């Protein structure tokens, strides 16, 4: 499975909305992808797609994203939002919440909410 963030449990599966150009078979769709995603196959199974509810006020500004040959991209930290120290049996560990470039604070809140419930 292709993920456009870190590998693992909390990796994002959905990156942004794209236009469906045609239906391929009963459960697959061809998407109109930008040129920077030319190495990604443009046909997706319906289970990998998410329904988009249109909202005129919802505008997603395009963000330049450089994708590496192995279909990953480099994350850059912007700022530290919060930190706390967790005391274990014989050591103290510092936990840090970081705001990353290409992510918003809302995405961070959703990820943290998913982490607590999952």
N, C-alpha and C. Protein backbone atom coordinates (compact mmCIF):
# COMPACT_ATOMS: atom_id res chain seq x y z
N UNK A 1 0.85 -1.18 0.00
CA UNK A 1 0.00 0.00 0.00
C UNK A 1 0.89 1.24 0.00
N UNK A 2 0.55 2.20 -0.81
CA UNK A 2 1.33 3.43 -0.91
C UNK A 2 0.84 4.41 0.14
N UNK A 3 1.75 4.91 0.94
CA UNK A 3 1.42 5.94 1.92
C UNK A 3 2.36 7.11 1.66
N UNK A 4 1.84 8.32 1.83
CA UNK A 4 2.62 9.50 1.51
C UNK A 4 3.14 10.18 2.76
N UNK A 5 3.41 9.43 3.77
CA UNK A 5 3.96 9.94 5.00
C UNK A 5 4.80 8.82 5.58
N UNK A 6 5.02 8.84 6.88
CA UNK A 6 5.76 7.77 7.52
C UNK A 6 5.04 6.45 7.36
N UNK A 7 5.81 5.38 7.33
CA UNK A 7 5.21 4.05 7.32
C UNK A 7 4.70 3.76 8.72
N UNK A 8 3.67 2.98 8.82
CA UNK A 8 3.19 2.58 10.12
C UNK A 8 1.71 2.76 10.30
N UNK A 9 1.28 2.58 11.50
CA UNK A 9 -0.14 2.57 11.83
C UNK A 9 -0.84 3.89 11.56
N UNK A 10 -0.17 5.01 11.83
CA UNK A 10 -0.83 6.30 11.71
C UNK A 10 -0.52 7.03 10.41
N UNK A 11 -0.02 6.35 9.40
CA UNK A 11 0.26 6.98 8.13
C UNK A 11 -1.02 7.40 7.43
N UNK A 12 -1.02 8.56 6.80
CA UNK A 12 -2.20 9.06 6.11
C UNK A 12 -2.43 8.27 4.83
N UNK A 13 -3.67 7.90 4.56
CA UNK A 13 -4.00 7.20 3.33
C UNK A 13 -4.57 8.14 2.28
N UNK A 14 -5.15 9.26 2.70
CA UNK A 14 -5.79 10.18 1.77
C UNK A 14 -4.99 11.47 1.74
N UNK A 15 -4.61 11.91 0.53
CA UNK A 15 -3.77 13.09 0.46
C UNK A 15 -4.53 14.34 0.02
N UNK A 16 -5.45 14.23 -0.91
CA UNK A 16 -6.28 15.36 -1.33
C UNK A 16 -7.29 14.87 -2.35
N UNK A 17 -8.32 15.64 -2.66
CA UNK A 17 -9.32 15.18 -3.65
C UNK A 17 -8.80 15.30 -5.08
N UNK A 18 -9.14 14.31 -5.90
CA UNK A 18 -8.80 14.31 -7.31
C UNK A 18 -10.05 13.96 -8.11
N UNK A 19 -10.08 14.41 -9.34
CA UNK A 19 -11.24 14.19 -10.20
C UNK A 19 -11.21 12.78 -10.77
N UNK A 20 -12.38 12.12 -10.78
CA UNK A 20 -12.53 10.80 -11.38
C UNK A 20 -12.77 11.00 -12.87
N UNK A 21 -11.94 10.38 -13.71
CA UNK A 21 -12.10 10.56 -15.15
C UNK A 21 -12.93 9.46 -15.78
N UNK A 22 -12.82 8.22 -15.28
CA UNK A 22 -13.64 7.15 -15.83
C UNK A 22 -13.74 5.99 -14.85
N UNK A 23 -14.74 5.18 -15.08
CA UNK A 23 -14.93 3.98 -14.27
C UNK A 23 -14.31 2.81 -15.03
N UNK A 24 -13.47 2.04 -14.35
CA UNK A 24 -12.80 0.91 -14.97
C UNK A 24 -13.32 -0.34 -14.27
N UNK A 25 -14.17 -1.10 -14.93
CA UNK A 25 -14.76 -2.27 -14.30
C UNK A 25 -15.84 -1.86 -13.30
N UNK A 26 -16.17 -2.80 -12.39
CA UNK A 26 -17.25 -2.53 -11.44
C UNK A 26 -16.76 -1.84 -10.17
N UNK A 27 -15.50 -2.05 -9.80
CA UNK A 27 -15.02 -1.54 -8.50
C UNK A 27 -13.74 -0.73 -8.61
N UNK A 28 -13.40 -0.22 -9.79
CA UNK A 28 -12.17 0.54 -9.95
C UNK A 28 -12.45 1.84 -10.71
N UNK A 29 -11.68 2.87 -10.36
CA UNK A 29 -11.84 4.18 -10.99
C UNK A 29 -10.48 4.74 -11.39
N UNK A 30 -10.47 5.45 -12.53
CA UNK A 30 -9.26 6.13 -12.99
C UNK A 30 -9.35 7.59 -12.55
N UNK A 31 -8.28 8.09 -11.90
CA UNK A 31 -8.26 9.46 -11.40
C UNK A 31 -7.35 10.33 -12.25
N UNK A 32 -7.64 11.61 -12.27
CA UNK A 32 -6.79 12.59 -12.95
C UNK A 32 -5.78 13.08 -11.93
N UNK A 33 -4.54 12.57 -12.03
CA UNK A 33 -3.49 12.91 -11.07
C UNK A 33 -2.57 13.99 -11.65
N UNK A 34 -1.99 14.83 -10.81
CA UNK A 34 -1.05 15.84 -11.30
C UNK A 34 0.26 15.21 -11.75
N UNK A 35 1.08 15.99 -12.44
CA UNK A 35 2.33 15.47 -13.00
C UNK A 35 3.32 15.01 -11.94
N UNK A 36 3.29 15.61 -10.72
CA UNK A 36 4.23 15.18 -9.68
C UNK A 36 3.91 13.79 -9.15
N UNK A 37 2.71 13.28 -9.44
CA UNK A 37 2.36 11.91 -9.05
C UNK A 37 2.36 10.98 -10.26
N UNK A 38 3.21 11.27 -11.24
CA UNK A 38 3.23 10.48 -12.47
C UNK A 38 3.71 9.05 -12.24
N UNK A 39 4.44 8.79 -11.16
CA UNK A 39 4.94 7.44 -10.88
C UNK A 39 3.91 6.58 -10.15
N UNK A 40 2.78 7.18 -9.76
CA UNK A 40 1.71 6.44 -9.08
C UNK A 40 0.69 6.00 -10.13
N UNK A 41 0.28 4.73 -10.07
CA UNK A 41 -0.72 4.22 -11.02
C UNK A 41 -2.03 4.96 -10.81
N UNK A 42 -2.73 5.32 -11.89
CA UNK A 42 -3.90 6.19 -11.78
C UNK A 42 -5.22 5.45 -11.62
N UNK A 43 -5.22 4.11 -11.51
CA UNK A 43 -6.44 3.35 -11.30
C UNK A 43 -6.47 2.85 -9.86
N UNK A 44 -7.58 3.13 -9.15
CA UNK A 44 -7.70 2.77 -7.75
C UNK A 44 -8.97 1.97 -7.50
N UNK A 45 -8.89 1.02 -6.57
CA UNK A 45 -10.06 0.26 -6.14
C UNK A 45 -10.95 1.18 -5.31
N UNK A 46 -12.23 0.94 -5.35
CA UNK A 46 -13.19 1.80 -4.66
C UNK A 46 -12.94 1.84 -3.16
N UNK A 47 -12.36 0.81 -2.57
CA UNK A 47 -12.10 0.80 -1.13
C UNK A 47 -10.98 1.77 -0.74
N UNK A 48 -10.14 2.18 -1.71
CA UNK A 48 -9.06 3.11 -1.42
C UNK A 48 -9.49 4.56 -1.59
N UNK A 49 -10.71 4.79 -2.05
CA UNK A 49 -11.21 6.14 -2.28
C UNK A 49 -12.15 6.54 -1.15
N UNK A 50 -12.24 7.82 -0.93
CA UNK A 50 -13.12 8.36 0.09
C UNK A 50 -14.09 9.33 -0.58
N UNK A 51 -15.35 9.28 -0.18
CA UNK A 51 -16.37 10.16 -0.74
C UNK A 51 -16.08 11.60 -0.34
N UNK A 52 -16.13 12.51 -1.30
CA UNK A 52 -15.88 13.92 -1.02
C UNK A 52 -17.20 14.68 -1.07
N UNK A 53 -17.53 15.34 0.02
CA UNK A 53 -18.72 16.18 0.08
C UNK A 53 -18.30 17.60 -0.29
N UNK A 54 -18.83 18.10 -1.40
CA UNK A 54 -18.39 19.40 -1.87
C UNK A 54 -18.91 20.51 -0.97
N UNK A 55 -18.08 21.49 -0.78
CA UNK A 55 -18.41 22.65 0.03
C UNK A 55 -17.76 23.85 -0.65
N UNK A 56 -18.52 24.86 -1.06
CA UNK A 56 -17.93 26.00 -1.77
C UNK A 56 -16.87 26.74 -0.97
N UNK A 57 -16.97 26.70 0.35
CA UNK A 57 -15.98 27.41 1.16
C UNK A 57 -14.72 26.57 1.40
N UNK A 58 -14.77 25.31 1.02
CA UNK A 58 -13.63 24.42 1.25
C UNK A 58 -12.68 24.50 0.06
N UNK A 59 -11.60 25.20 0.24
CA UNK A 59 -10.60 25.36 -0.81
C UNK A 59 -9.28 24.82 -0.28
N UNK A 60 -8.70 23.88 -1.01
CA UNK A 60 -7.43 23.31 -0.60
C UNK A 60 -6.33 23.96 -1.44
N UNK A 61 -5.48 24.75 -0.81
CA UNK A 61 -4.40 25.37 -1.59
C UNK A 61 -3.38 24.31 -2.00
N UNK A 62 -2.94 24.33 -3.25
CA UNK A 62 -1.94 23.35 -3.67
C UNK A 62 -0.61 23.62 -2.98
N UNK A 63 -0.01 22.56 -2.50
CA UNK A 63 1.29 22.67 -1.84
C UNK A 63 2.32 21.91 -2.65
N UNK A 64 3.43 22.55 -2.97
CA UNK A 64 4.45 21.82 -3.72
C UNK A 64 4.99 20.67 -2.88
N UNK A 65 5.03 19.50 -3.47
CA UNK A 65 5.46 18.31 -2.75
C UNK A 65 6.42 17.55 -3.63
N UNK A 66 7.65 17.40 -3.17
CA UNK A 66 8.65 16.68 -3.94
C UNK A 66 8.64 15.22 -3.49
N UNK A 67 8.27 14.34 -4.41
CA UNK A 67 8.18 12.92 -4.10
C UNK A 67 9.46 12.25 -4.55
N UNK A 68 10.06 11.47 -3.66
CA UNK A 68 11.29 10.73 -3.94
C UNK A 68 10.98 9.54 -4.86
N UNK A 69 12.01 8.96 -5.48
CA UNK A 69 11.78 7.80 -6.37
C UNK A 69 11.11 6.62 -5.67
N UNK A 70 11.25 6.49 -4.35
CA UNK A 70 10.60 5.38 -3.64
C UNK A 70 9.22 5.78 -3.11
N UNK A 71 8.61 6.84 -3.70
CA UNK A 71 7.26 7.32 -3.39
C UNK A 71 7.10 7.77 -1.95
N UNK A 72 8.13 8.38 -1.38
CA UNK A 72 8.06 9.00 -0.07
C UNK A 72 8.43 10.46 -0.22
N UNK A 73 8.22 11.24 0.82
CA UNK A 73 8.68 12.62 0.80
C UNK A 73 9.26 12.96 2.15
N UNK A 74 10.12 13.98 2.17
CA UNK A 74 10.80 14.37 3.40
C UNK A 74 9.94 15.30 4.23
N UNK A 75 9.86 15.01 5.51
CA UNK A 75 9.10 15.84 6.44
C UNK A 75 10.03 16.88 7.06
N UNK A 76 9.51 18.09 7.26
CA UNK A 76 10.28 19.14 7.90
C UNK A 76 9.49 19.70 9.08
N UNK A 77 10.08 19.72 10.27
CA UNK A 77 9.37 20.27 11.43
C UNK A 77 9.28 21.79 11.34
N UNK A 78 8.12 22.34 11.76
CA UNK A 78 7.93 23.79 11.76
C UNK A 78 8.13 24.34 13.16
N UNK A 79 7.42 23.75 14.13
CA UNK A 79 7.52 24.22 15.50
C UNK A 79 7.12 23.10 16.46
N UNK A 80 7.49 23.26 17.71
CA UNK A 80 7.07 22.33 18.76
C UNK A 80 5.81 22.91 19.40
N UNK A 81 4.73 22.14 19.38
CA UNK A 81 3.45 22.61 19.93
C UNK A 81 3.35 22.39 21.43
N UNK A 82 3.82 21.24 21.90
CA UNK A 82 3.68 20.91 23.31
C UNK A 82 4.69 19.81 23.64
N UNK A 83 5.03 19.71 24.93
CA UNK A 83 5.88 18.62 25.38
C UNK A 83 5.55 18.29 26.83
N UNK A 84 5.82 17.03 27.19
CA UNK A 84 5.64 16.61 28.57
C UNK A 84 6.62 15.48 28.84
N UNK A 85 6.84 15.22 30.11
CA UNK A 85 7.75 14.16 30.50
C UNK A 85 6.95 13.02 31.10
N UNK A 86 7.23 11.81 30.61
CA UNK A 86 6.56 10.62 31.10
C UNK A 86 7.55 9.84 31.95
N UNK A 87 7.15 9.56 33.17
CA UNK A 87 8.04 8.87 34.11
C UNK A 87 7.74 7.38 34.03
N UNK A 88 8.76 6.61 33.69
CA UNK A 88 8.66 5.16 33.68
C UNK A 88 9.28 4.63 34.97
N UNK A 89 9.53 3.35 35.05
CA UNK A 89 10.06 2.78 36.29
C UNK A 89 11.40 3.39 36.70
N UNK A 90 12.34 3.36 35.77
CA UNK A 90 13.67 3.84 36.16
C UNK A 90 14.23 4.92 35.23
N UNK A 91 13.38 5.50 34.40
CA UNK A 91 13.85 6.59 33.54
C UNK A 91 12.69 7.52 33.20
N UNK A 92 13.04 8.69 32.73
CA UNK A 92 12.06 9.69 32.32
C UNK A 92 12.19 9.90 30.83
N UNK A 93 11.05 9.90 30.13
CA UNK A 93 11.06 10.05 28.68
C UNK A 93 10.30 11.32 28.32
N UNK A 94 10.84 12.14 27.43
CA UNK A 94 10.19 13.38 27.00
C UNK A 94 9.38 13.10 25.74
N UNK A 95 8.09 13.46 25.76
CA UNK A 95 7.19 13.33 24.62
C UNK A 95 6.96 14.71 24.04
N UNK A 96 7.07 14.83 22.72
CA UNK A 96 6.99 16.13 22.06
C UNK A 96 5.94 16.07 20.95
N UNK A 97 5.05 17.09 20.88
CA UNK A 97 4.11 17.25 19.78
C UNK A 97 4.71 18.26 18.81
N UNK A 98 4.87 17.86 17.56
CA UNK A 98 5.53 18.69 16.56
C UNK A 98 4.55 19.01 15.44
N UNK A 99 4.54 20.26 14.99
CA UNK A 99 3.79 20.65 13.81
C UNK A 99 4.73 20.51 12.62
N UNK A 100 4.34 19.69 11.63
CA UNK A 100 5.17 19.42 10.47
C UNK A 100 4.70 20.25 9.29
N UNK A 101 5.63 20.58 8.40
CA UNK A 101 5.27 21.25 7.15
C UNK A 101 4.41 20.28 6.35
N UNK A 102 3.50 20.74 5.54
CA UNK A 102 2.54 19.96 4.76
C UNK A 102 1.44 19.36 5.62
N UNK A 103 1.36 19.71 6.92
CA UNK A 103 0.29 19.24 7.78
C UNK A 103 -0.26 20.44 8.55
N UNK A 104 -1.54 20.38 8.84
CA UNK A 104 -2.14 21.46 9.62
C UNK A 104 -2.36 21.00 11.05
N UNK A 105 -2.73 21.92 11.91
CA UNK A 105 -3.00 21.58 13.31
C UNK A 105 -4.23 20.68 13.38
N UNK A 106 -5.21 20.87 12.47
CA UNK A 106 -6.40 20.03 12.46
C UNK A 106 -6.03 18.58 12.16
N UNK A 107 -5.09 18.36 11.21
CA UNK A 107 -4.65 17.00 10.91
C UNK A 107 -3.98 16.39 12.12
N UNK A 108 -3.21 17.16 12.85
CA UNK A 108 -2.55 16.67 14.05
C UNK A 108 -3.59 16.25 15.09
N UNK A 109 -4.63 17.06 15.26
CA UNK A 109 -5.68 16.72 16.23
C UNK A 109 -6.40 15.43 15.82
N UNK A 110 -6.67 15.27 14.50
CA UNK A 110 -7.33 14.05 14.04
C UNK A 110 -6.45 12.83 14.29
N UNK A 111 -5.16 12.95 14.02
CA UNK A 111 -4.25 11.84 14.24
C UNK A 111 -4.17 11.48 15.71
N UNK A 112 -4.10 12.48 16.58
CA UNK A 112 -4.04 12.21 18.00
C UNK A 112 -5.34 11.58 18.50
N UNK A 113 -6.46 12.01 17.97
CA UNK A 113 -7.74 11.40 18.33
C UNK A 113 -7.82 9.95 17.88
N UNK A 114 -7.30 9.66 16.67
CA UNK A 114 -7.29 8.30 16.15
C UNK A 114 -6.36 7.43 16.98
N UNK A 115 -5.26 8.00 17.44
CA UNK A 115 -4.29 7.24 18.23
C UNK A 115 -4.88 6.83 19.58
N UNK A 116 -5.65 7.72 20.18
CA UNK A 116 -6.24 7.41 21.48
C UNK A 116 -7.32 6.33 21.38
N UNK A 117 -8.10 6.35 20.27
CA UNK A 117 -9.20 5.38 20.15
C UNK A 117 -8.74 4.08 19.54
N UNK A 118 -7.63 4.08 18.77
CA UNK A 118 -7.22 2.89 18.02
C UNK A 118 -6.25 2.10 18.70
